[in-house]
Amino acid sequence: MDDPVRPNIPTYRRYGHNRGVFFLTSDEYGFPHAIACCSFISKIPATEAELLDDHEQFNVAVFYTVWSEKSPLSRGTGRVVINKALNHIKWFKPFVNCVVTLSPKTEMARKFHLSNGATLFRENEHTVNFEYKL
């Protein structure tokens, strides 16, 4: 599936020792209804270049893509995938002490993250960081 938020990041850059993809399925075929891409790095990024740098420490979790399919079955699944990912990070990534986003400067991203419990952390030149509490 193509990423509507950051289509320029190739699939092979989304997986690795400090990157991963959370997805939510609801049918027997495993079709993803919501996806959250995450990078574990050492600082809060302001750009995609900072996000994709390899880091030796991984204490910051950064959601850089969160989206869901536009269908009746997918309504509300963006919220669910974020909450499940936060729970996973809390229990299985104890080294993470900060969870933020690297979001586009759009009203949709702002409304989504603020309505899901995040707070505005910082506005950058081309992106916004929202912070989620673990």
Protein backbone atom coordinates (compact mmCIF):
# COMPACT_ATOMS: atom_id res chain seq x y z
CA MET A 1 0.00 0.00 0.00
CA ASP A 2 1.23 3.46 -0.78
CA ASP A 3 1.86 5.91 2.03
CA PRO A 4 -0.19 9.08 1.47
CA VAL A 5 1.73 11.04 4.15
CA ARG A 6 5.36 10.36 3.19
CA PRO A 7 5.33 8.61 -0.20
CA ASN A 8 8.95 9.59 -0.83
CA ILE A 9 10.28 7.27 1.91
CA PRO A 10 10.90 3.89 0.27
CA THR A 11 9.69 0.70 1.91
CA TYR A 12 13.20 -0.57 2.64
CA ARG A 13 13.87 2.56 4.78
CA ARG A 14 10.80 1.83 6.95
CA TYR A 15 12.23 -1.37 8.45
CA GLY A 16 15.47 -1.94 10.30
CA HIS A 17 17.10 -2.17 13.68
CA ASN A 18 15.58 1.15 14.76
CA ARG A 19 12.46 1.38 12.58
CA GLY A 20 9.17 -0.42 12.35
CA VAL A 21 5.60 -0.38 11.12
CA PHE A 22 2.52 -0.97 13.26
CA PHE A 23 -0.64 -1.97 11.45
CA LEU A 24 -4.18 -2.86 12.37
CA THR A 25 -6.16 -5.50 10.51
CA SER A 26 -9.74 -6.60 10.96
CA ASP A 27 -10.33 -9.37 8.46
CA GLU A 28 -9.02 -12.86 7.79
CA TYR A 29 -6.93 -11.67 4.85
CA GLY A 30 -4.79 -9.35 6.96
CA PHE A 31 -5.68 -6.26 4.93
CA PRO A 32 -4.36 -3.26 6.91
CA HIS A 33 -6.98 -0.71 7.86
CA ALA A 34 -4.53 1.60 9.64
CA ILE A 35 -0.76 1.98 9.62
CA ALA A 36 1.71 3.85 11.82
CA CYS A 37 5.38 4.02 10.82
CA CYS A 38 7.82 4.64 13.66
CA SER A 39 11.52 5.34 13.99
CA PHE A 40 13.48 4.94 17.23
CA ILE A 41 16.20 7.58 17.39
CA SER A 42 18.21 9.68 19.83
CA LYS A 43 16.64 13.12 19.39
CA ILE A 44 13.41 14.79 18.36
CA PRO A 45 13.69 15.41 14.60
CA ALA A 46 12.60 18.49 12.69
CA THR A 47 13.17 17.00 9.22
CA GLU A 48 12.93 13.68 7.39
CA ALA A 49 16.72 13.64 7.04
CA GLU A 50 17.10 13.73 10.84
CA LEU A 51 14.43 11.05 11.15
CA LEU A 52 16.19 8.60 8.83
CA ASP A 53 19.72 9.06 10.16
CA ASP A 54 21.06 5.97 11.85
CA HIS A 55 21.43 6.47 15.57
CA GLU A 56 23.25 4.50 18.23
CA GLN A 57 20.76 5.34 20.97
CA PHE A 58 17.04 4.81 20.61
CA ASN A 59 15.29 6.62 23.46
CA VAL A 60 12.87 8.66 21.28
CA ALA A 61 10.03 7.02 19.34
CA VAL A 62 8.89 9.09 16.36
CA PHE A 63 5.65 8.40 14.49
CA TYR A 64 6.19 9.88 11.04
CA THR A 65 3.26 8.33 9.21
CA VAL A 66 -0.21 7.56 10.56
CA TRP A 67 -3.05 6.85 8.17
CA SER A 68 -6.08 4.70 7.67
CA GLU A 69 -8.06 3.48 4.72
CA LYS A 70 -11.07 5.57 3.76
CA SER A 71 -13.82 3.01 4.20
CA PRO A 72 -16.61 2.43 6.72
CA LEU A 73 -14.62 -0.48 8.21
CA SER A 74 -11.65 1.79 8.85
CA ARG A 75 -13.39 4.58 10.71
CA GLY A 76 -11.50 5.29 13.96
CA THR A 77 -8.70 2.83 13.23
CA GLY A 78 -6.03 5.56 13.14
CA ARG A 79 -6.75 6.24 16.80
CA VAL A 80 -6.71 2.51 17.59
CA VAL A 81 -3.37 1.86 15.86
CA ILE A 82 -1.74 4.79 17.71
CA ASN A 83 -3.05 3.59 21.08
CA LYS A 84 -1.93 0.01 20.43
CA ALA A 85 1.48 1.20 19.26
CA LEU A 86 1.87 3.38 22.36
CA ASN A 87 1.00 0.40 24.54
CA HIS A 88 3.50 -1.79 22.67
CA ILE A 89 6.25 0.81 23.08
CA LYS A 90 5.47 1.21 26.78
CA TRP A 91 5.78 -2.53 27.48
CA PHE A 92 8.34 -3.75 24.95
CA LYS A 93 10.61 -0.74 24.44
CA PRO A 94 11.49 0.32 28.02
CA PHE A 95 14.42 2.39 26.75
CA VAL A 96 12.00 4.86 25.11
CA ASN A 97 11.33 7.90 27.30
CA CYS A 98 9.75 10.21 24.73
CA VAL A 99 7.16 9.64 21.98
CA VAL A 100 6.63 12.34 19.36
CA THR A 101 5.48 12.74 15.79
CA LEU A 102 7.09 14.26 12.75
CA SER A 103 3.86 15.50 11.22
CA PRO A 104 3.12 17.56 8.15
CA LYS A 105 1.86 21.08 8.80
CA THR A 106 -1.77 20.31 8.02
CA GLU A 107 -5.00 20.92 9.85
CA MET A 108 -5.86 17.23 9.52
CA ALA A 109 -2.66 16.16 11.32
CA ARG A 110 -3.16 18.80 14.03
CA LYS A 111 -6.76 17.76 14.71
CA PHE A 112 -5.91 14.05 14.65
CA HIS A 113 -3.05 14.21 17.15
CA LEU A 114 -4.62 16.74 19.50
CA SER A 115 -7.90 14.78 19.60
CA ASN A 116 -5.96 11.60 20.40
CA GLY A 117 -4.25 13.01 23.48
CA ALA A 118 -1.04 14.47 22.07
CA THR A 119 0.18 17.96 22.88
CA LEU A 120 1.99 20.40 20.61
CA PHE A 121 5.71 20.08 21.31
CA ARG A 122 7.31 22.21 18.58
CA GLU A 123 6.62 23.77 15.20
CA ASN A 124 9.47 23.44 12.71
CA GLU A 125 9.92 25.09 9.33
CA HIS A 126 8.12 22.32 7.39
CA THR A 127 6.90 19.93 10.09
CA VAL A 128 5.28 19.80 13.53
CA ASN A 129 6.17 17.65 16.52
CA PHE A 130 3.32 16.48 18.74
CA GLU A 131 4.14 14.62 21.95
CA TYR A 132 2.32 11.57 23.32
CA LYS A 133 2.68 10.48 26.93
CA LEU A 134 3.53 6.85 27.66
